[in-house]
Protein backbone atom coordinates (compact mmCIF):
# COMPACT_ATOMS: atom_id res chain seq x y z
CA MET A 1 -39.36 -11.17 -11.26
CA ILE A 2 -38.51 -13.14 -8.12
CA ASN A 3 -39.29 -16.44 -9.86
CA LEU A 4 -37.10 -15.41 -12.80
CA LEU A 5 -34.22 -14.59 -10.44
CA LYS A 6 -34.62 -17.91 -8.61
CA ALA A 7 -34.47 -19.75 -11.92
CA ASP A 8 -31.38 -17.80 -13.03
CA LEU A 9 -29.60 -18.46 -9.74
CA PHE A 10 -30.42 -22.15 -10.06
CA ARG A 11 -28.91 -22.16 -13.58
CA LEU A 12 -25.88 -20.31 -12.22
CA ARG A 13 -25.34 -22.94 -9.54
CA LYS A 14 -25.55 -25.72 -12.14
CA SER A 15 -23.44 -23.85 -14.71
CA LYS A 16 -20.24 -25.61 -15.76
CA THR A 17 -18.62 -22.22 -16.39
CA PHE A 18 -19.30 -21.11 -12.80
CA LYS A 19 -18.07 -24.41 -11.36
CA ASN A 20 -14.91 -24.31 -13.51
CA SER A 21 -14.26 -20.71 -12.40
CA MET A 22 -14.41 -21.78 -8.75
CA ILE A 23 -12.04 -24.69 -9.45
CA VAL A 24 -9.59 -22.36 -11.22
CA MET A 25 -9.90 -19.99 -8.26
CA GLY A 26 -8.82 -22.73 -5.87
CA ILE A 27 -5.84 -23.70 -8.04
CA LEU A 28 -4.69 -20.07 -8.40
CA VAL A 29 -4.95 -19.38 -4.67
CA ILE A 30 -2.81 -22.46 -3.92
CA ALA A 31 -0.26 -21.31 -6.52
CA TYR A 32 -0.30 -17.88 -4.85
CA PHE A 33 0.60 -19.43 -1.47
CA VAL A 34 3.48 -21.33 -3.09
CA VAL A 35 4.88 -18.17 -4.73
CA CYS A 36 4.60 -16.14 -1.52
CA SER A 37 6.17 -18.80 0.72
CA MET A 38 9.07 -19.79 -1.55
CA SER A 39 10.46 -16.36 -2.49
CA GLU A 40 9.95 -12.63 -2.51
CA ASP A 41 9.04 -12.63 -6.20
CA PHE A 42 5.63 -11.69 -7.45
CA ILE A 43 3.37 -12.43 -10.39
CA SER A 44 2.61 -9.40 -12.55
CA ILE A 45 -0.15 -9.12 -15.16
CA ASN A 46 -0.52 -6.27 -17.62
CA ILE A 47 1.93 -4.06 -15.70
CA THR A 48 2.52 -0.56 -17.06
CA PHE A 49 4.80 2.14 -15.63
CA ARG A 50 3.52 5.65 -16.18
CA ASN A 51 3.68 8.96 -14.34
CA ASP A 52 6.07 7.72 -11.63
CA ARG A 53 4.00 4.74 -10.61
CA MET A 54 2.93 1.25 -11.57
CA TYR A 55 -0.47 0.39 -13.01
CA GLY A 56 -1.75 -3.16 -13.34
CA PHE A 57 -2.21 -6.32 -11.31
CA TYR A 58 0.40 -8.02 -9.18
CA ILE A 59 0.22 -10.92 -6.72
CA GLY A 60 2.81 -11.44 -4.02
CA ARG A 61 5.53 -9.07 -2.74
CA ILE A 62 4.11 -9.30 0.78
CA LYS A 63 7.51 -9.83 2.43
CA ASP A 64 8.46 -6.25 1.50
CA ASN A 65 5.99 -4.94 4.08
CA ILE A 66 4.03 -7.41 6.20
CA ASN A 67 0.76 -5.78 7.18
CA TYR A 68 -2.91 -6.30 6.38
CA ILE A 69 -3.09 -3.50 3.82
CA ASN A 70 -0.22 -5.00 1.81
CA ILE A 71 -1.75 -8.48 2.06
CA PHE A 72 -5.07 -7.07 0.82
CA ARG A 73 -3.39 -5.15 -2.01
CA SER A 74 -1.63 -8.32 -3.12
CA SER A 75 -4.91 -10.25 -3.10
CA LEU A 76 -6.41 -7.57 -5.37
CA GLY A 77 -4.24 -9.02 -8.12
CA PHE A 78 -6.90 -11.73 -8.41
CA VAL A 79 -9.37 -9.11 -9.69
CA ILE A 80 -8.03 -9.67 -13.22
CA PHE A 81 -9.01 -13.37 -12.98
CA THR A 82 -12.41 -12.32 -11.67
CA CYS A 83 -12.81 -10.14 -14.78
CA LEU A 84 -11.83 -13.01 -17.08
CA SER A 85 -14.25 -15.36 -15.28
CA MET A 86 -16.93 -12.69 -15.61
CA ILE A 87 -16.53 -12.59 -19.41
CA PHE A 88 -17.05 -16.33 -19.81
CA LEU A 89 -19.84 -16.43 -17.23
CA VAL A 90 -21.81 -13.57 -18.80
CA THR A 91 -21.41 -14.69 -22.40
CA ASP A 92 -22.35 -18.26 -21.51
CA SER A 93 -25.39 -17.21 -19.49
CA VAL A 94 -26.77 -14.63 -21.93
CA ILE A 95 -25.99 -16.22 -25.28
CA SER A 96 -27.09 -19.71 -24.17
CA ARG A 97 -30.60 -18.34 -23.68
CA TYR A 98 -30.79 -17.55 -27.37
CA SER A 99 -29.17 -20.75 -28.64
CA ASN A 100 -31.19 -23.24 -26.56
CA GLY A 101 -34.53 -21.41 -26.75
CA VAL A 102 -34.77 -20.56 -23.03
CA LEU A 103 -35.42 -16.88 -23.75
CA LYS A 104 -38.16 -17.65 -26.26
CA ASN A 105 -39.88 -20.05 -23.87
CA THR A 106 -39.60 -17.61 -20.97
CA VAL A 107 -41.18 -14.79 -22.98
CA SER A 108 -43.91 -17.11 -24.26
CA TYR A 109 -44.98 -17.65 -20.64
CA GLY A 110 -45.75 -13.94 -20.39
CA HIS A 111 -42.53 -12.64 -18.80
CA ASN A 112 -41.36 -9.20 -19.87
CA LYS A 113 -38.08 -9.12 -21.82
CA CYS A 114 -36.74 -6.26 -19.69
CA LYS A 115 -37.36 -8.27 -16.51
CA VAL A 116 -35.67 -11.29 -18.07
CA TYR A 117 -32.65 -9.12 -18.97
CA LEU A 118 -32.52 -7.58 -15.47
CA SER A 119 -32.78 -10.98 -13.80
CA SER A 120 -29.91 -12.27 -15.92
CA LEU A 121 -27.87 -9.20 -15.04
CA ILE A 122 -28.41 -9.63 -11.29
CA SER A 123 -27.66 -13.37 -11.27
CA ASN A 124 -24.45 -12.85 -13.29
CA TYR A 125 -23.34 -10.12 -10.91
CA ILE A 126 -23.96 -12.37 -7.90
CA GLY A 127 -21.85 -15.09 -9.53
CA VAL A 128 -19.02 -12.64 -10.26
CA CYS A 129 -19.14 -11.30 -6.68
CA ILE A 130 -18.90 -14.84 -5.27
CA ILE A 131 -15.84 -15.57 -7.43
CA GLY A 132 -14.16 -12.21 -6.73
CA ILE A 133 -14.76 -12.18 -2.97
CA SER A 134 -13.64 -15.82 -2.74
CA TYR A 135 -10.35 -14.94 -4.43
CA ILE A 136 -9.69 -12.05 -2.05
CA VAL A 137 -10.88 -13.72 1.17
CA PHE A 138 -9.07 -17.04 0.71
CA SER A 139 -5.84 -15.39 -0.41
CA MET A 140 -5.94 -12.95 2.55
CA ILE A 141 -6.66 -15.71 5.08
CA GLY A 142 -3.84 -17.87 3.70
CA ALA A 143 -1.35 -15.00 3.53
CA THR A 144 -2.23 -13.95 7.09
CA PHE A 145 -1.40 -17.47 8.34
CA LEU A 146 1.79 -17.58 6.25
CA PHE A 147 3.23 -14.23 7.31
CA SER A 148 1.52 -13.61 10.69
CA PRO A 149 1.46 -9.78 10.95
CA GLU A 150 2.65 -8.59 14.35
CA LYS A 151 -0.48 -6.60 15.19
CA MET A 152 -4.18 -7.30 14.95
CA ILE A 153 -5.92 -5.54 12.10
CA SER A 154 -6.69 -1.94 13.07
CA LYS A 155 -9.99 -0.15 12.59
CA ASN A 156 -8.42 2.11 9.98
CA GLU A 157 -7.02 -0.84 8.01
CA LEU A 158 -10.40 -2.60 8.14
CA ASN A 159 -12.15 0.55 6.87
CA ILE A 160 -9.70 0.85 3.96
CA ILE A 161 -10.17 -2.81 3.02
CA LEU A 162 -13.98 -2.58 3.15
CA VAL A 163 -14.12 0.68 1.17
CA VAL A 164 -11.75 -0.53 -1.56
CA THR A 165 -13.60 -3.87 -1.79
CA LEU A 166 -16.90 -1.99 -2.19
CA VAL A 167 -15.40 0.18 -4.94
CA VAL A 168 -14.07 -2.91 -6.75
CA LEU A 169 -17.51 -4.58 -6.54
CA ILE A 170 -19.18 -1.46 -7.95
CA ILE A 171 -16.72 -1.43 -10.87
CA LEU A 172 -17.38 -5.15 -11.46
CA ALA A 173 -21.12 -4.39 -11.53
CA ALA A 174 -20.48 -1.88 -14.32
CA MET A 175 -18.44 -4.47 -16.23
CA VAL A 176 -21.13 -7.13 -15.86
CA SER A 177 -23.72 -4.68 -17.17
CA LEU A 178 -21.50 -3.68 -20.10
CA TYR A 179 -20.67 -7.23 -21.21
CA THR A 180 -24.25 -8.40 -20.74
CA LEU A 181 -25.33 -5.67 -23.16
CA ILE A 182 -22.55 -6.59 -25.62
CA SER A 183 -23.56 -10.27 -25.43
CA VAL A 184 -27.20 -9.41 -26.18
CA ILE A 185 -26.12 -7.44 -29.25
CA LEU A 186 -23.38 -9.64 -30.73
CA LYS A 187 -24.55 -13.11 -29.60
CA SER A 188 -21.11 -14.70 -30.19
CA LYS A 189 -19.26 -16.33 -27.29
CA VAL A 190 -16.00 -16.80 -29.20
CA VAL A 191 -15.76 -13.24 -30.53
CA ILE A 192 -16.71 -11.52 -27.26
CA SER A 193 -14.63 -13.76 -24.98
CA THR A 194 -11.51 -13.68 -27.15
CA ALA A 195 -11.61 -9.94 -27.82
CA ALA A 196 -12.37 -9.02 -24.20
CA ALA A 197 -9.74 -11.36 -22.74
CA LEU A 198 -7.02 -10.07 -25.11
CA PHE A 199 -7.92 -6.46 -24.38
CA MET A 200 -7.87 -6.98 -20.59
CA THR A 201 -4.59 -8.90 -20.47
CA PHE A 202 -2.61 -7.17 -23.24
CA GLY A 203 -4.54 -4.33 -24.86
CA THR A 204 -4.96 -2.09 -21.85
CA GLY A 205 -1.20 -1.72 -21.41
CA ALA A 206 -0.53 -1.30 -25.14
CA LEU A 207 -3.24 1.37 -25.44
CA PHE A 208 -2.42 3.12 -22.16
CA ASP A 209 -0.82 6.13 -23.88
CA VAL A 210 -3.26 6.06 -26.81
CA ILE A 211 -6.44 6.34 -24.74
CA SER A 212 -6.75 9.70 -23.00
CA LYS A 213 -6.90 9.90 -19.20
CA ALA A 214 -10.42 11.33 -19.38
CA VAL A 215 -11.62 8.26 -21.33
CA GLN A 216 -9.70 5.86 -19.07
CA ASN A 217 -11.46 7.30 -16.03
CA LYS A 218 -14.75 6.14 -17.55
CA MET A 219 -13.57 2.62 -18.47
CA PRO A 220 -14.04 -0.01 -15.70
CA ILE A 221 -10.92 -2.02 -16.55
CA TYR A 222 -8.69 1.06 -16.29
CA MET A 223 -10.33 1.94 -12.98
CA LEU A 224 -9.30 -1.47 -11.67
CA ILE A 225 -5.78 -1.10 -13.08
CA ASP A 226 -5.47 2.20 -11.23
CA ILE A 227 -6.77 0.80 -7.91
CA CYS A 228 -4.65 -2.37 -8.04
CA GLY A 229 -1.40 -0.61 -9.01
CA GLN A 230 1.40 -0.54 -6.46
CA PRO A 231 1.62 2.78 -4.57
CA GLU A 232 5.08 2.14 -3.09
CA ILE A 233 6.64 2.41 -6.55
CA SER A 234 5.10 5.87 -6.81
CA SER A 235 6.38 6.87 -3.38
CA ILE A 236 9.97 5.78 -4.02
CA SER A 237 10.07 7.29 -7.49
CA HIS A 238 8.62 10.60 -6.33
CA ASP A 239 11.00 10.90 -3.38
CA LEU A 240 14.08 10.24 -5.52
CA ARG A 241 13.04 12.25 -8.55
CA THR A 242 11.99 15.41 -6.71
CA PRO A 243 15.50 16.47 -5.56
CA LEU A 244 16.98 15.24 -8.86
CA THR A 245 14.57 17.42 -10.83
CA PHE A 246 15.48 20.46 -8.74
CA ILE A 247 19.22 19.82 -9.12
CA GLN A 248 18.94 19.41 -12.92
CA GLY A 249 16.83 22.54 -13.20
CA TYR A 250 19.23 24.74 -11.26
CA LEU A 251 22.27 23.33 -13.06
CA GLN A 252 20.60 24.20 -16.35
CA MET A 253 20.02 27.77 -15.15
CA LEU A 254 23.66 28.03 -14.01
CA ARG A 255 24.76 27.48 -17.63
CA LYS A 256 23.23 30.83 -18.66
CA ASP A 257 25.89 33.43 -19.51
CA ASN A 258 23.85 36.46 -18.41
CA LEU A 259 23.28 35.15 -14.87
CA SER A 260 24.20 37.60 -12.09
CA GLU A 261 26.75 36.55 -9.47
CA GLU A 262 24.13 36.84 -6.71
CA LYS A 263 21.69 34.50 -8.48
CA ARG A 264 24.51 32.10 -9.40
CA LYS A 265 25.52 31.84 -5.73
CA ARG A 266 21.90 31.33 -4.66
CA TYR A 267 21.29 28.60 -7.26
CA ILE A 268 24.47 26.78 -6.20
CA GLU A 269 23.30 26.84 -2.56
CA ILE A 270 19.88 25.45 -3.51
CA ALA A 271 21.40 22.71 -5.71
CA ASP A 272 23.79 21.82 -2.90
CA LYS A 273 20.92 21.55 -0.41
CA ARG A 274 18.92 19.36 -2.78
CA SER A 275 21.92 17.10 -3.37
CA LYS A 276 22.18 16.63 0.40
CA ASP A 277 18.45 15.80 0.52
CA LEU A 278 19.02 13.18 -2.17
CA GLN A 279 21.99 11.77 -0.24
CA GLU A 280 19.83 11.45 2.88
CA LEU A 281 17.09 9.68 0.91
CA LEU A 282 19.56 7.20 -0.55
CA ASN A 283 21.08 6.63 2.90
CA GLN A 284 17.61 5.86 4.29
CA PHE A 285 16.89 3.34 1.53
CA PHE A 286 20.31 1.73 2.00
CA MET A 287 19.96 1.62 5.80
CA LEU A 288 16.54 -0.04 5.55
CA SER A 289 17.87 -2.68 3.14
CA VAL A 290 20.71 -3.40 5.61
CA VAL A 291 18.60 -3.73 8.77
CA GLU A 292 15.94 -5.83 6.99
CA ASP A 293 18.57 -8.40 6.03
CA PRO A 294 18.11 -11.45 8.31
CA LYS A 295 21.92 -11.76 8.53
CA TYR A 296 22.23 -8.31 10.12
CA LYS A 297 22.47 -8.73 13.91
CA GLY A 298 24.48 -5.76 15.13
CA LYS A 299 27.02 -5.88 17.94
CA LEU A 300 25.19 -6.27 21.24
CA GLU A 301 27.09 -4.76 24.16
CA THR A 302 26.56 -2.71 27.29
CA ILE A 303 25.77 0.91 26.40
CA ASP A 304 25.24 3.99 28.53
CA LEU A 305 21.93 5.11 27.04
CA LYS A 306 21.94 8.42 28.96
CA GLU A 307 25.25 9.36 27.37
CA VAL A 308 24.08 8.45 23.86
CA LEU A 309 20.84 10.43 24.33
CA VAL A 310 22.67 13.54 25.62
CA GLU A 311 25.14 13.36 22.70
CA THR A 312 22.29 13.09 20.20
CA LEU A 313 20.29 15.93 21.76
CA THR A 314 23.38 18.15 21.77
CA SER A 315 24.00 17.49 18.07
CA PHE A 316 20.43 18.64 17.28
CA TYR A 317 20.55 21.71 19.57
CA GLU A 318 21.17 24.19 16.74
CA GLU A 319 18.48 22.70 14.49
CA PHE A 320 15.92 22.70 17.32
CA THR A 321 16.79 26.31 18.16
CA ASP A 322 16.41 27.46 14.54
CA LYS A 323 12.93 25.95 14.44
CA GLY A 324 11.86 27.25 17.84
CA ILE A 325 11.72 23.81 19.42
CA GLU A 326 12.52 23.70 23.15
CA PRO A 327 12.02 20.11 24.33
CA ASP A 328 11.11 19.44 27.95
CA ILE A 329 13.72 16.83 28.93
CA GLU A 330 13.50 14.54 31.97
CA ILE A 331 16.26 11.99 32.55
CA CYS A 332 16.38 9.86 35.70
CA SER A 333 19.42 10.25 37.92
CA ASP A 334 20.23 6.51 38.02
CA ALA A 335 22.68 4.96 35.58
CA ILE A 336 20.87 3.45 32.58
CA ASN A 337 23.00 0.79 30.93
CA ILE A 338 21.29 -1.23 28.21
CA VAL A 339 22.09 -4.24 26.05
CA GLY A 340 22.19 -2.99 22.49
CA ASP A 341 24.15 -2.08 19.41
CA TYR A 342 25.81 1.33 19.82
CA ILE A 343 25.49 2.34 16.16
CA GLY A 344 21.93 1.02 16.00
CA SER A 345 20.92 2.81 19.22
CA LYS A 346 22.43 6.07 18.02
CA ARG A 347 20.62 5.72 14.68
CA VAL A 348 17.33 5.11 16.48
CA LEU A 349 17.77 8.29 18.53
CA GLU A 350 18.89 10.32 15.49
CA ASN A 351 15.86 9.24 13.45
CA LEU A 352 13.57 10.21 16.32
CA MET A 353 15.23 13.64 16.61
CA ILE A 354 14.96 14.12 12.85
CA ASN A 355 11.27 13.31 13.14
CA ILE A 356 10.89 15.95 15.88
CA ALA A 357 12.81 18.57 13.87
CA ARG A 358 10.65 18.00 10.79
CA HIS A 359 7.19 17.65 12.26
CA SER A 360 7.06 19.12 15.79
CA LYS A 361 5.28 22.41 16.47
CA GLY A 362 7.48 23.02 19.51
CA ASN A 363 5.68 21.26 22.39
CA VAL A 364 7.85 18.19 22.89
CA LYS A 365 8.55 16.20 26.04
CA ILE A 366 11.41 13.66 26.16
CA THR A 367 11.59 11.28 29.13
CA LEU A 368 14.16 8.56 29.90
CA VAL A 369 13.41 6.30 32.89
CA LYS A 370 13.76 2.75 34.17
CA TYR A 371 10.50 0.85 33.97
CA LYS A 372 9.94 -2.84 34.86
CA GLU A 373 13.58 -3.89 34.24
CA LYS A 374 13.58 -1.96 30.97
CA ALA A 375 15.01 1.34 29.86
CA GLU A 376 12.09 3.37 28.53
CA LEU A 377 12.50 6.42 26.31
CA ARG A 378 9.24 8.24 25.62
CA ILE A 379 8.69 11.21 23.35
CA ILE A 380 5.37 13.07 23.54
CA ASP A 381 4.57 15.65 20.88
CA LYS A 382 1.48 17.82 20.50
CA ILE A 383 -0.41 17.35 17.24
CA GLN A 384 -3.02 19.56 15.62
CA ASP A 385 -5.35 16.85 14.29
CA LYS A 386 -5.19 13.35 15.76
CA ASP A 387 -7.23 11.95 12.84
CA GLU A 388 -4.39 12.77 10.42
CA ILE A 389 -2.08 10.23 12.09
CA ASP A 390 -2.64 6.48 12.16
CA ALA A 391 -0.63 5.20 15.15
CA ASP A 392 -1.06 1.57 14.03
CA ASN A 393 0.68 2.23 10.70
CA LEU A 394 3.21 4.82 11.88
CA PHE A 395 6.15 2.36 11.65
CA ASN A 396 5.17 0.89 8.29
CA LYS A 397 7.41 1.59 5.32
CA PHE A 398 6.45 4.65 3.26
CA TYR A 399 3.74 5.71 5.72
CA LYS A 400 3.38 9.48 5.72
CA ALA A 401 0.99 11.50 7.84
CA ASP A 402 1.96 14.46 5.64
CA LYS A 403 -0.05 13.39 2.58
CA ALA A 404 0.63 16.67 0.80
CA ARG A 405 4.42 16.14 1.11
CA LYS A 406 4.96 19.57 2.65
CA VAL A 407 7.91 18.01 4.46
CA ASN A 408 10.66 16.18 2.52
CA SER A 409 10.47 12.66 3.94
CA THR A 410 10.67 9.10 2.66
CA GLY A 411 8.42 7.66 5.34
CA LEU A 412 11.27 5.25 6.18
CA GLY A 413 12.75 6.82 9.33
CA LEU A 414 10.39 5.24 11.86
CA SER A 415 10.37 1.97 9.93
CA ILE A 416 14.16 1.82 10.38
CA VAL A 417 13.67 2.57 14.09
CA LYS A 418 11.32 -0.40 14.40
CA GLU A 419 13.69 -2.76 12.56
CA LEU A 420 16.70 -1.69 14.65
CA MET A 421 14.81 -2.02 17.93
CA GLY A 422 13.79 -5.54 16.94
CA LYS A 423 17.43 -6.46 16.22
CA MET A 424 18.34 -5.31 19.77
CA ASN A 425 15.53 -7.34 21.38
CA GLY A 426 13.72 -4.09 22.15
CA ASN A 427 10.40 -2.75 21.01
CA VAL A 428 8.81 0.50 19.88
CA GLU A 429 5.16 1.53 19.89
CA ALA A 430 3.04 4.60 19.30
CA ASP A 431 -0.18 5.86 20.84
CA ILE A 432 -2.37 8.94 20.60
CA VAL A 433 -3.93 10.35 23.74
CA HIS A 434 -6.09 13.44 23.32
CA ASN A 435 -4.00 15.65 21.00
CA SER A 436 -0.61 14.16 21.83
CA LEU A 437 1.38 11.55 19.91
CA GLY A 438 3.55 9.34 22.11
CA ILE A 439 6.38 7.15 20.81
CA THR A 440 7.88 4.72 23.32
CA ARG A 441 11.03 2.62 22.95
CA ARG A 442 12.17 0.00 25.41
CA TRP A 443 15.60 -1.65 25.72
CA GLU A 444 16.68 -4.49 27.99
CA LEU A 445 18.76 -3.26 30.94
CA SER A 446 22.28 -4.63 31.31
CA CYS A 447 22.80 -6.84 34.36
């Protein structure tokens, strides 16, 4: 068996199909760098929109959210090329054995056919893994140099990347096994390669609604389409459609003639509340698009941060009281004048207070002090489970610690805070100590 595998790996290394796949890989990765560096566009392959999200393969769109997870997800778009390379590699390897008499000679030397088949399967899988991992690794390394994420890769991000890569490799193993079996049965390179390539690139999308979800969950190519789809589309669509669905539903009920006055009043109140939720969501999306614009600078001036903080806290007094939140507030007695944009600073504080009102269990400490020629505002909030919150990704767009969506949130509030702080030459960071989440913002003090 070992000798058979050595021989198959030697043939793999000398295979023109394998060499051509590696050359194509290099060309595609270079093209990927060009697309990513020249614009914010992306390359999409076999994209299908269903059930409020996108399925398929896309490469690019890193500038929307520069972090290692987004870079990795973009590099997963190369999985479709790995699948196409796998088809040609497997058909060439398996069918060539029959056409050139290698299989017959191997069996004549006393080797078992099952061992020959298994050896071919393993060597093909190794070749596919080399191609697939090369695509992902080289594209990730290049994109990391191009976009230079602000933070080092976190342990959580690394775990996600390793787990998803392992899942993709397992799915590829299933595909190699499947197409090796098909090649043994049909023995036609042209038929298998053409049919498989057309199905992967065009057929999966066309048959998405025809093939049941239960069957799709058992088909490797649909598993990859699901994994490589873009989750942010789902998040945005869900957040916007949820209040819209509620509003439409209650408006439909209000049209009923036999509706009591009490129920009519209640439905109007609910629809009104949902419309305000939708307005807030749209405002968040608009605000993020504004602050992410490189042309947006804000008006930097001297601001009394203590005054802005007190105004903001006062405006949230009623909401905090209704939710039983009594923040422990410590503000230094010295004047704290910062260099910043008044509207931006107020928005930062409002988003932080909104975050407290939505997520806090009541044990909140707010401190404003001078620290190393900076104005430092720190908010410490008790949390029930520190493993539910990833401090490294807390300021990323669409990040939500509340995976079940028990709280109506876009996941954009803290991302806006980070963008605004950057525009004012300040910074914001988060840390978890014991069972407390701390968020710290620092502004430059005015001279």
